[in-house]
Amino acid sequence: MSSPHLPPKVVAEIGCNHKGEIAIAKQLLKVAAESGVEVAKFQKRNNRELLTEEQYNAPHPNPMHSYGDSYGVHREFLEFDVNQHNELKEYAESLGFIYSTSVWDTTSAKEIVSLDPVLIKVPSACNNHFEMLKVLRDDYKGDVHISFGMTTKEEEEQIVSFFEENNQAKRLVVYSCTSGYPVPFEDVCMLEIVRIKEKFEDRVKEIGFSGHHLGIAIDVAAYTLGATWIERHFTLDRTWKGTDHSASLEPTGLSKLARDLKATYKALVYKKSDILSIEQVQRDKLKYRKN
């Protein structure tokens, strides 16, 4: 008997964990592909568009993790241009899995749409950027994944309704998320998955979970609660310079996550008979018989 659940899909969020080096980005893609995940995801920003002049020129809030004299210079150091993103997309596809990226502004959205990836992600920080969402709704045909971290219930409704205006909400995958790095278990709030599923399951394509917690047990629980897309930050070394590494999985953790989710999918079935064939031998041997 097949599982009544959709198979789990894992997104390895590379983000900026490549340290601005295309060679490391490709190494991360190769390791992610070998880990058995379905998607690897980067980030794309136009920093002059996204940041105010004051934000651009301000010092990084955590100087030990900065790659520049200001936050803007730091962000530019970590940025790949659209041609490099195309190179990463082609490399991911040569490895047999899916490239994606999060877009943070309208220009970046247009650039990534031009590459026509299978899916594009909208981070929690930008899910109220309706000018950008309009590009993804009207000028792109792939799936749009949107995180609901630091988002009110009213804002969630506005986002889904915006895509419904053009009958495009069935391309949405909406994610339960708590925006923190890392997030303590009591703030993961797993039952938000159930709430979001009850509210939007019939209106969007699927439900996801974007986790910034430690370990991988929570992700299996997220899947059993109804999140068919599981997104986790991924790095080669959690001690590397950069603020996302500490809340990321290393290669062994990512492989175990993909393995455990696939095992859970196989296990989420009903018995196809009262006594399974694997049980019959034990029944014949052990089951109590009245004399």
C-alpha atoms as a PDB file:
ATOM      1  CA  MET A   1       0.000   0.000   0.000  1.00  0.00           C
ATOM      2  CA  SER A   2       1.433   3.362  -0.983  1.00  0.00           C
ATOM      3  CA  SER A   3       1.719   6.222   1.480  1.00  0.00           C
ATOM      4  CA  PRO A   4      -1.216   8.665   1.596  1.00  0.00           C
ATOM      5  CA  HIS A   5       1.383  11.399   2.119  1.00  0.00           C
ATOM      6  CA  LEU A   6       3.293  13.281  -0.562  1.00  0.00           C
ATOM      7  CA  PRO A   7       7.016  12.443  -0.599  1.00  0.00           C
ATOM      8  CA  PRO A   8       9.218  14.864   1.376  1.00  0.00           C
ATOM      9  CA  LYS A   9      11.415  17.282  -0.557  1.00  0.00           C
ATOM     10  CA  VAL A  10      14.504  18.788   1.088  1.00  0.00           C
ATOM     11  CA  VAL A  11      15.874  22.219   0.195  1.00  0.00           C
ATOM     12  CA  ALA A  12      19.517  22.743   1.165  1.00  0.00           C
ATOM     13  CA  GLU A  13      19.719  26.494   1.814  1.00  0.00           C
ATOM     14  CA  ILE A  14      23.266  27.434   0.866  1.00  0.00           C
ATOM     15  CA  GLY A  15      22.413  31.129   0.971  1.00  0.00           C
ATOM     16  CA  CYS A  16      25.656  33.027   1.478  1.00  0.00           C
ATOM     17  CA  ASN A  17      27.546  30.168   3.122  1.00  0.00           C
ATOM     18  CA  HIS A  18      29.803  30.017   0.042  1.00  0.00           C
ATOM     19  CA  LYS A  19      31.786  32.984   1.439  1.00  0.00           C
ATOM     20  CA  GLY A  20      31.602  34.754  -1.924  1.00  0.00           C
ATOM     21  CA  GLU A  21      33.623  32.066  -3.722  1.00  0.00           C
ATOM     22  CA  ILE A  22      32.116  30.310  -6.739  1.00  0.00           C
ATOM     23  CA  ALA A  23      34.359  27.271  -6.211  1.00  0.00           C
ATOM     24  CA  ILE A  24      32.961  26.781  -2.684  1.00  0.00           C
ATOM     25  CA  ALA A  25      29.439  27.292  -4.038  1.00  0.00           C
ATOM     26  CA  LYS A  26      29.978  24.472  -6.513  1.00  0.00           C
ATOM     27  CA  GLN A  27      31.480  22.275  -3.824  1.00  0.00           C
ATOM     28  CA  LEU A  28      28.378  22.884  -1.702  1.00  0.00           C
ATOM     29  CA  LEU A  29      26.189  21.934  -4.670  1.00  0.00           C
ATOM     30  CA  LYS A  30      28.121  18.706  -5.208  1.00  0.00           C
ATOM     31  CA  VAL A  31      27.915  17.711  -1.543  1.00  0.00           C
ATOM     32  CA  ALA A  32      24.203  18.599  -1.423  1.00  0.00           C
ATOM     33  CA  ALA A  33      23.524  16.441  -4.471  1.00  0.00           C
ATOM     34  CA  GLU A  34      25.412  13.543  -2.881  1.00  0.00           C
ATOM     35  CA  SER A  35      23.358  13.997   0.296  1.00  0.00           C
ATOM     36  CA  GLY A  36      20.173  13.018  -1.514  1.00  0.00           C
ATOM     37  CA  VAL A  37      18.287  16.325  -1.292  1.00  0.00           C
ATOM     38  CA  GLU A  38      16.067  17.593  -4.098  1.00  0.00           C
ATOM     39  CA  VAL A  39      16.991  21.301  -4.208  1.00  0.00           C
ATOM     40  CA  ALA A  40      19.895  23.594  -3.339  1.00  0.00           C
ATOM     41  CA  LYS A  41      19.148  27.276  -2.902  1.00  0.00           C
ATOM     42  CA  PHE A  42      21.199  30.471  -2.965  1.00  0.00           C
ATOM     43  CA  GLN A  43      20.263  34.142  -2.437  1.00  0.00           C
ATOM     44  CA  LYS A  44      20.164  37.080  -4.858  1.00  0.00           C
ATOM     45  CA  ARG A  45      20.198  40.713  -3.796  1.00  0.00           C
ATOM     46  CA  ASN A  46      20.629  44.058  -5.505  1.00  0.00           C
ATOM     47  CA  ASN A  47      22.096  45.730  -2.463  1.00  0.00           C
ATOM     48  CA  ARG A  48      21.809  49.326  -3.691  1.00  0.00           C
ATOM     49  CA  GLU A  49      18.124  48.740  -4.322  1.00  0.00           C
ATOM     50  CA  LEU A  50      17.452  46.760  -1.179  1.00  0.00           C
ATOM     51  CA  LEU A  51      19.348  48.878   1.356  1.00  0.00           C
ATOM     52  CA  THR A  52      19.020  52.544   2.195  1.00  0.00           C
ATOM     53  CA  GLU A  53      22.187  54.639   1.972  1.00  0.00           C
ATOM     54  CA  GLU A  54      22.368  54.612   5.757  1.00  0.00           C
ATOM     55  CA  GLN A  55      22.007  50.825   5.926  1.00  0.00           C
ATOM     56  CA  TYR A  56      24.556  50.331   3.154  1.00  0.00           C
ATOM     57  CA  ASN A  57      27.186  52.458   4.867  1.00  0.00           C
ATOM     58  CA  ALA A  58      26.536  51.260   8.419  1.00  0.00           C
ATOM     59  CA  PRO A  59      28.985  48.809  10.002  1.00  0.00           C
ATOM     60  CA  HIS A  60      28.051  45.147  10.067  1.00  0.00           C
ATOM     61  CA  PRO A  61      26.107  44.486  13.323  1.00  0.00           C
ATOM     62  CA  ASN A  62      28.448  41.581  14.054  1.00  0.00           C
ATOM     63  CA  PRO A  63      31.900  42.764  12.842  1.00  0.00           C
ATOM     64  CA  MET A  64      33.641  39.424  13.374  1.00  0.00           C
ATOM     65  CA  HIS A  65      31.453  37.976  10.600  1.00  0.00           C
ATOM     66  CA  SER A  66      31.843  40.891   8.180  1.00  0.00           C
ATOM     67  CA  TYR A  67      33.530  40.660   4.778  1.00  0.00           C
ATOM     68  CA  GLY A  68      33.718  44.452   4.343  1.00  0.00           C
ATOM     69  CA  ASP A  69      34.094  47.818   6.052  1.00  0.00           C
ATOM     70  CA  SER A  70      30.335  48.435   5.879  1.00  0.00           C
ATOM     71  CA  TYR A  71      27.267  46.235   5.760  1.00  0.00           C
ATOM     72  CA  GLY A  72      26.757  47.112   2.093  1.00  0.00           C
ATOM     73  CA  VAL A  73      30.328  46.228   1.135  1.00  0.00           C
ATOM     74  CA  HIS A  74      29.970  43.007   3.124  1.00  0.00           C
ATOM     75  CA  ARG A  75      26.843  42.102   1.182  1.00  0.00           C
ATOM     76  CA  GLU A  76      28.447  42.956  -2.172  1.00  0.00           C
ATOM     77  CA  PHE A  77      31.366  40.664  -1.366  1.00  0.00           C
ATOM     78  CA  LEU A  78      28.963  37.744  -0.922  1.00  0.00           C
ATOM     79  CA  GLU A  79      26.911  38.477  -4.042  1.00  0.00           C
ATOM     80  CA  PHE A  80      27.009  36.497  -7.292  1.00  0.00           C
ATOM     81  CA  ASP A  81      25.861  38.192 -10.497  1.00  0.00           C
ATOM     82  CA  VAL A  82      23.198  36.714 -12.755  1.00  0.00           C
ATOM     83  CA  ASN A  83      25.756  35.028 -15.016  1.00  0.00           C
ATOM     84  CA  GLN A  84      27.318  33.280 -12.036  1.00  0.00           C
ATOM     85  CA  HIS A  85      23.851  32.185 -10.920  1.00  0.00           C
ATOM     86  CA  ASN A  86      23.285  30.735 -14.374  1.00  0.00           C
ATOM     87  CA  GLU A  87      26.600  28.903 -14.053  1.00  0.00           C
ATOM     88  CA  LEU A  88      25.467  27.474 -10.707  1.00  0.00           C
ATOM     89  CA  LYS A  89      22.099  26.488 -12.174  1.00  0.00           C
ATOM     90  CA  GLU A  90      23.753  24.619 -15.036  1.00  0.00           C
ATOM     91  CA  TYR A  91      26.150  22.911 -12.631  1.00  0.00           C
ATOM     92  CA  ALA A  92      23.313  21.818 -10.310  1.00  0.00           C
ATOM     93  CA  GLU A  93      21.389  20.425 -13.264  1.00  0.00           C
ATOM     94  CA  SER A  94      24.492  18.519 -14.425  1.00  0.00           C
ATOM     95  CA  LEU A  95      24.466  16.871 -10.986  1.00  0.00           C
ATOM     96  CA  GLY A  96      20.844  15.838 -11.471  1.00  0.00           C
ATOM     97  CA  PHE A  97      19.047  18.078  -9.036  1.00  0.00           C
ATOM     98  CA  ILE A  98      17.367  21.478  -8.793  1.00  0.00           C
ATOM     99  CA  TYR A  99      18.936  24.926  -8.462  1.00  0.00           C
ATOM    100  CA  SER A 100      16.953  27.715  -6.859  1.00  0.00           C
ATOM    101  CA  THR A 101      17.495  31.035  -5.160  1.00  0.00           C
ATOM    102  CA  SER A 102      15.771  33.457  -2.842  1.00  0.00           C
ATOM    103  CA  VAL A 103      15.160  36.895  -4.321  1.00  0.00           C
ATOM    104  CA  TRP A 104      15.146  39.981  -2.118  1.00  0.00           C
ATOM    105  CA  ASP A 105      14.181  42.813  -4.492  1.00  0.00           C
ATOM    106  CA  THR A 106      12.497  43.512  -7.823  1.00  0.00           C
ATOM    107  CA  THR A 107      15.688  43.663  -9.884  1.00  0.00           C
ATOM    108  CA  SER A 108      16.909  40.347  -8.493  1.00  0.00           C
ATOM    109  CA  ALA A 109      13.515  38.788  -9.129  1.00  0.00           C
ATOM    110  CA  LYS A 110      13.617  39.847 -12.786  1.00  0.00           C
ATOM    111  CA  GLU A 111      17.180  38.558 -13.173  1.00  0.00           C
ATOM    112  CA  ILE A 112      16.414  35.148 -11.688  1.00  0.00           C
ATOM    113  CA  VAL A 113      13.135  34.868 -13.631  1.00  0.00           C
ATOM    114  CA  SER A 114      15.240  35.262 -16.786  1.00  0.00           C
ATOM    115  CA  LEU A 115      17.037  32.016 -15.846  1.00  0.00           C
ATOM    116  CA  ASP A 116      13.682  30.179 -15.612  1.00  0.00           C
ATOM    117  CA  PRO A 117      14.452  27.947 -12.615  1.00  0.00           C
ATOM    118  CA  VAL A 118      11.977  25.321 -11.423  1.00  0.00           C
ATOM    119  CA  LEU A 119      11.204  27.355  -8.301  1.00  0.00           C
ATOM    120  CA  ILE A 120      12.029  30.715  -6.747  1.00  0.00           C
ATOM    121  CA  LYS A 121      11.913  31.451  -3.022  1.00  0.00           C
ATOM    122  CA  VAL A 122      10.685  34.589  -1.282  1.00  0.00           C
ATOM    123  CA  PRO A 123      12.283  34.994   2.157  1.00  0.00           C
ATOM    124  CA  SER A 124      10.253  36.056   5.171  1.00  0.00           C
ATOM    125  CA  ALA A 125      11.917  39.471   5.139  1.00  0.00           C
ATOM    126  CA  CYS A 126      10.494  40.275   1.691  1.00  0.00           C
ATOM    127  CA  ASN A 127       7.138  38.536   1.573  1.00  0.00           C
ATOM    128  CA  ASN A 128       5.374  41.926   1.826  1.00  0.00           C
ATOM    129  CA  HIS A 129       7.332  43.353  -1.147  1.00  0.00           C
ATOM    130  CA  PHE A 130       4.364  43.307  -3.512  1.00  0.00           C
ATOM    131  CA  GLU A 131       6.185  44.962  -6.395  1.00  0.00           C
ATOM    132  CA  MET A 132       8.586  42.019  -6.349  1.00  0.00           C
ATOM    133  CA  LEU A 133       5.773  39.507  -5.793  1.00  0.00           C
ATOM    134  CA  LYS A 134       4.019  40.907  -8.869  1.00  0.00           C
ATOM    135  CA  VAL A 135       7.022  39.959 -11.004  1.00  0.00           C
ATOM    136  CA  LEU A 136       6.897  36.407  -9.668  1.00  0.00           C
ATOM    137  CA  ARG A 137       3.144  36.219 -10.095  1.00  0.00           C
ATOM    138  CA  ASP A 138       2.834  37.736 -13.555  1.00  0.00           C
ATOM    139  CA  ASP A 139       6.167  37.168 -15.329  1.00  0.00           C
ATOM    140  CA  TYR A 140       7.208  33.736 -14.087  1.00  0.00           C
ATOM    141  CA  LYS A 141       5.601  30.322 -14.553  1.00  0.00           C
ATOM    142  CA  GLY A 142       7.460  28.186 -12.003  1.00  0.00           C
ATOM    143  CA  ASP A 143       6.571  27.551  -8.386  1.00  0.00           C
ATOM    144  CA  VAL A 144       6.906  30.366  -5.860  1.00  0.00           C
ATOM    145  CA  HIS A 145       7.926  29.356  -2.335  1.00  0.00           C
ATOM    146  CA  ILE A 146       7.205  31.907   0.402  1.00  0.00           C
ATOM    147  CA  SER A 147       8.248  31.802   4.057  1.00  0.00           C
ATOM    148  CA  PHE A 148       5.881  33.153   6.721  1.00  0.00           C
ATOM    149  CA  GLY A 149       8.469  34.055   9.351  1.00  0.00           C
ATOM    150  CA  MET A 150       7.850  37.346  11.229  1.00  0.00           C
ATOM    151  CA  THR A 151       4.501  37.615   9.395  1.00  0.00           C
ATOM    152  CA  THR A 152       1.046  38.297  10.838  1.00  0.00           C
ATOM    153  CA  LYS A 153      -1.960  36.157   9.967  1.00  0.00           C
ATOM    154  CA  GLU A 154      -3.445  39.163   8.154  1.00  0.00           C
ATOM    155  CA  GLU A 155      -0.278  39.504   6.069  1.00  0.00           C
ATOM    156  CA  GLU A 156      -0.351  35.777   5.235  1.00  0.00           C
ATOM    157  CA  GLU A 157      -3.874  36.208   3.886  1.00  0.00           C
ATOM    158  CA  GLN A 158      -2.846  39.256   1.850  1.00  0.00           C
ATOM    159  CA  ILE A 159       0.009  37.329   0.224  1.00  0.00           C
ATOM    160  CA  VAL A 160      -2.099  34.332  -0.799  1.00  0.00           C
ATOM    161  CA  SER A 161      -4.972  36.562  -1.916  1.00  0.00           C
ATOM    162  CA  PHE A 162      -2.561  38.572  -4.085  1.00  0.00           C
ATOM    163  CA  PHE A 163      -1.705  35.435  -6.062  1.00  0.00           C
ATOM    164  CA  GLU A 164      -5.355  34.375  -6.165  1.00  0.00           C
ATOM    165  CA  GLU A 165      -6.235  37.629  -7.961  1.00  0.00           C
ATOM    166  CA  ASN A 166      -4.708  36.138 -11.122  1.00  0.00           C
ATOM    167  CA  ASN A 167      -5.490  32.501 -10.308  1.00  0.00           C
ATOM    168  CA  GLN A 168      -1.815  31.843  -9.559  1.00  0.00           C
ATOM    169  CA  ALA A 169      -1.995  30.655  -5.937  1.00  0.00           C
ATOM    170  CA  LYS A 170      -1.766  26.986  -6.951  1.00  0.00           C
ATOM    171  CA  ARG A 171       1.887  27.701  -7.752  1.00  0.00           C
ATOM    172  CA  LEU A 172       2.551  28.679  -4.134  1.00  0.00           C
ATOM    173  CA  VAL A 173       4.305  26.679  -1.447  1.00  0.00           C
ATOM    174  CA  VAL A 174       3.967  28.505   1.878  1.00  0.00           C
ATOM    175  CA  TYR A 175       6.327  27.764   4.744  1.00  0.00           C
ATOM    176  CA  SER A 176       5.900  27.835   8.482  1.00  0.00           C
ATOM    177  CA  CYS A 177       8.982  29.590   9.825  1.00  0.00           C
ATOM    178  CA  THR A 178      10.397  31.315  12.880  1.00  0.00           C
ATOM    179  CA  SER A 179      12.988  33.912  11.891  1.00  0.00           C
ATOM    180  CA  GLY A 180      15.889  33.472  14.284  1.00  0.00           C
ATOM    181  CA  TYR A 181      19.429  32.070  14.034  1.00  0.00           C
ATOM    182  CA  PRO A 182      19.402  29.613  15.716  1.00  0.00           C
ATOM    183  CA  VAL A 183      15.861  29.167  17.069  1.00  0.00           C
ATOM    184  CA  PRO A 184      15.364  27.436  20.454  1.00  0.00           C
ATOM    185  CA  PHE A 185      12.932  24.545  20.313  1.00  0.00           C
ATOM    186  CA  GLU A 186      10.205  26.340  22.261  1.00  0.00           C
ATOM    187  CA  ASP A 187      10.132  29.042  19.551  1.00  0.00           C
ATOM    188  CA  VAL A 188       9.925  26.652  16.590  1.00  0.00           C
ATOM    189  CA  CYS A 189       6.141  26.486  17.165  1.00  0.00           C
ATOM    190  CA  MET A 190       5.519  23.341  15.161  1.00  0.00           C
ATOM    191  CA  LEU A 191       1.735  23.538  15.379  1.00  0.00           C
ATOM    192  CA  GLU A 192       1.859  26.578  13.096  1.00  0.00           C
ATOM    193  CA  ILE A 193       2.285  23.996  10.333  1.00  0.00           C
ATOM    194  CA  VAL A 194      -1.116  22.565  11.219  1.00  0.00           C
ATOM    195  CA  ARG A 195      -2.692  26.026  11.350  1.00  0.00           C
ATOM    196  CA  ILE A 196      -1.239  27.072   7.999  1.00  0.00           C
ATOM    197  CA  LYS A 197      -2.256  23.777   6.437  1.00  0.00           C
ATOM    198  CA  GLU A 198      -5.831  24.094   7.695  1.00  0.00           C
ATOM    199  CA  LYS A 199      -6.053  27.674   6.399  1.00  0.00           C
ATOM    200  CA  PHE A 200      -4.339  27.369   3.028  1.00  0.00           C
ATOM    201  CA  GLU A 201      -4.121  23.703   2.012  1.00  0.00           C
ATOM    202  CA  ASP A 202      -6.955  23.983  -0.522  1.00  0.00           C
ATOM    203  CA  ARG A 203      -5.717  27.340  -1.842  1.00  0.00           C
ATOM    204  CA  VAL A 204      -2.004  26.717  -2.467  1.00  0.00           C
ATOM    205  CA  LYS A 205       0.078  23.901  -3.946  1.00  0.00           C
ATOM    206  CA  GLU A 206       1.829  22.583  -0.830  1.00  0.00           C
ATOM    207  CA  ILE A 207       2.942  23.457   2.699  1.00  0.00           C
ATOM    208  CA  GLY A 208       6.576  23.727   3.785  1.00  0.00           C
ATOM    209  CA  PHE A 209       8.707  24.201   6.873  1.00  0.00           C
ATOM    210  CA  SER A 210      11.807  26.395   7.006  1.00  0.00           C
ATOM    211  CA  GLY A 211      13.809  25.555  10.116  1.00  0.00           C
ATOM    212  CA  HIS A 212      16.638  27.410  11.825  1.00  0.00           C
ATOM    213  CA  HIS A 213      16.878  25.110  14.840  1.00  0.00           C
ATOM    214  CA  LEU A 214      19.605  22.686  15.864  1.00  0.00           C
ATOM    215  CA  GLY A 215      19.571  18.992  14.966  1.00  0.00           C
ATOM    216  CA  ILE A 216      17.192  17.159  12.640  1.00  0.00           C
ATOM    217  CA  ALA A 217      14.486  15.607  14.841  1.00  0.00           C
ATOM    218  CA  ILE A 218      12.174  18.605  14.432  1.00  0.00           C
ATOM    219  CA  ASP A 219      12.175  18.263  10.639  1.00  0.00           C
ATOM    220  CA  VAL A 220      10.786  14.726  10.741  1.00  0.00           C
ATOM    221  CA  ALA A 221       8.020  15.984  13.036  1.00  0.00           C
ATOM    222  CA  ALA A 222       7.345  18.837  10.589  1.00  0.00           C
ATOM    223  CA  TYR A 223       6.860  16.356   7.777  1.00  0.00           C
ATOM    224  CA  THR A 224       4.454  14.204   9.765  1.00  0.00           C
ATOM    225  CA  LEU A 225       2.455  17.352  10.608  1.00  0.00           C
ATOM    226  CA  GLY A 226       1.965  18.084   6.921  1.00  0.00           C
ATOM    227  CA  ALA A 227       4.983  20.030   5.642  1.00  0.00           C
ATOM    228  CA  THR A 228       6.069  18.318   2.430  1.00  0.00           C
ATOM    229  CA  TRP A 229       8.946  20.755   1.781  1.00  0.00           C
ATOM    230  CA  ILE A 230      11.689  20.925   4.421  1.00  0.00           C
ATOM    231  CA  GLU A 231      14.260  23.722   4.134  1.00  0.00           C
ATOM    232  CA  ARG A 232      17.449  23.829   6.180  1.00  0.00           C
ATOM    233  CA  HIS A 233      20.582  25.982   5.979  1.00  0.00           C
ATOM    234  CA  PHE A 234      23.594  24.011   4.805  1.00  0.00           C
ATOM    235  CA  THR A 235      27.339  24.588   5.152  1.00  0.00           C
ATOM    236  CA  LEU A 236      30.586  22.670   4.878  1.00  0.00           C
ATOM    237  CA  ASP A 237      31.787  23.926   8.263  1.00  0.00           C
ATOM    238  CA  ARG A 238      29.666  25.473  11.039  1.00  0.00           C
ATOM    239  CA  THR A 239      32.722  27.298  12.423  1.00  0.00           C
ATOM    240  CA  TRP A 240      33.256  29.345   9.245  1.00  0.00           C
ATOM    241  CA  LYS A 241      32.971  33.132   9.250  1.00  0.00           C
ATOM    242  CA  GLY A 242      29.384  34.263   8.656  1.00  0.00           C
ATOM    243  CA  THR A 243      26.210  34.520  10.709  1.00  0.00           C
ATOM    244  CA  ASP A 244      24.264  31.656   9.069  1.00  0.00           C
ATOM    245  CA  HIS A 245      26.773  28.856   9.626  1.00  0.00           C
ATOM    246  CA  SER A 246      25.866  28.260  13.284  1.00  0.00           C
ATOM    247  CA  ALA A 247      22.245  27.432  12.374  1.00  0.00           C
ATOM    248  CA  SER A 248      23.256  25.267   9.405  1.00  0.00           C
ATOM    249  CA  LEU A 249      23.625  21.540   8.910  1.00  0.00           C
ATOM    250  CA  GLU A 250      26.980  20.116   7.893  1.00  0.00           C
ATOM    251  CA  PRO A 251      27.160  17.388   5.210  1.00  0.00           C
ATOM    252  CA  THR A 252      26.626  14.478   7.616  1.00  0.00           C
ATOM    253  CA  GLY A 253      23.571  16.158   9.141  1.00  0.00           C
ATOM    254  CA  LEU A 254      22.086  16.935   5.723  1.00  0.00           C
ATOM    255  CA  SER A 255      22.553  13.335   4.572  1.00  0.00           C
ATOM    256  CA  LYS A 256      20.931  12.011   7.743  1.00  0.00           C
ATOM    257  CA  LEU A 257      18.015  14.428   7.326  1.00  0.00           C
ATOM    258  CA  ALA A 258      17.352  13.276   3.758  1.00  0.00           C
ATOM    259  CA  ARG A 259      17.698   9.645   4.860  1.00  0.00           C
ATOM    260  CA  ASP A 260      15.364   9.984   7.854  1.00  0.00           C
ATOM    261  CA  LEU A 261      12.670  11.827   5.903  1.00  0.00           C
ATOM    262  CA  LYS A 262      12.679   9.155   3.184  1.00  0.00           C
ATOM    263  CA  ALA A 263      12.424   6.459   5.865  1.00  0.00           C
ATOM    264  CA  THR A 264       9.529   8.301   7.496  1.00  0.00           C
ATOM    265  CA  TYR A 265       7.726   8.518   4.154  1.00  0.00           C
ATOM    266  CA  LYS A 266       8.044   4.757   3.702  1.00  0.00           C
ATOM    267  CA  ALA A 267       6.750   4.161   7.238  1.00  0.00           C
ATOM    268  CA  LEU A 268       3.684   6.431   6.972  1.00  0.00           C
ATOM    269  CA  VAL A 269       1.328   3.758   5.652  1.00  0.00           C
ATOM    270  CA  TYR A 270      -1.504   1.596   6.953  1.00  0.00           C
ATOM    271  CA  LYS A 271      -1.143  -2.148   7.242  1.00  0.00           C
ATOM    272  CA  LYS A 272      -2.206  -3.816   3.981  1.00  0.00           C
ATOM    273  CA  SER A 273      -3.479  -6.829   5.936  1.00  0.00           C
ATOM    274  CA  ASP A 274      -4.232  -7.617   9.561  1.00  0.00           C
ATOM    275  CA  ILE A 275      -1.177  -9.845   9.740  1.00  0.00           C
ATOM    276  CA  LEU A 276       1.759  -8.767   7.596  1.00  0.00           C
ATOM    277  CA  SER A 277       3.933 -11.459   6.042  1.00  0.00           C
ATOM    278  CA  ILE A 278       6.821 -10.273   8.226  1.00  0.00           C
ATOM    279  CA  GLU A 279       4.585 -10.902  11.245  1.00  0.00           C
ATOM    280  CA  GLN A 280       3.264 -14.303  10.224  1.00  0.00           C
ATOM    281  CA  VAL A 281       6.476 -16.135  11.137  1.00  0.00           C
ATOM    282  CA  GLN A 282       6.453 -14.489  14.558  1.00  0.00           C
ATOM    283  CA  ARG A 283       2.745 -15.196  14.995  1.00  0.00           C
ATOM    284  CA  ASP A 284       3.264 -18.870  14.236  1.00  0.00           C
ATOM    285  CA  LYS A 285       6.131 -18.965  16.709  1.00  0.00           C
ATOM    286  CA  LEU A 286       4.998 -16.692  19.517  1.00  0.00           C
ATOM    287  CA  LYS A 287       1.269 -16.028  19.503  1.00  0.00           C
ATOM    288  CA  TYR A 288      -0.569 -17.437  22.502  1.00  0.00           C
ATOM    289  CA  ARG A 289      -2.698 -20.459  21.691  1.00  0.00           C
ATOM    290  CA  LYS A 290      -5.349 -21.748  24.030  1.00  0.00           C
ATOM    291  CA  ASN A 291      -4.778 -25.400  24.802  1.00  0.00           C
END
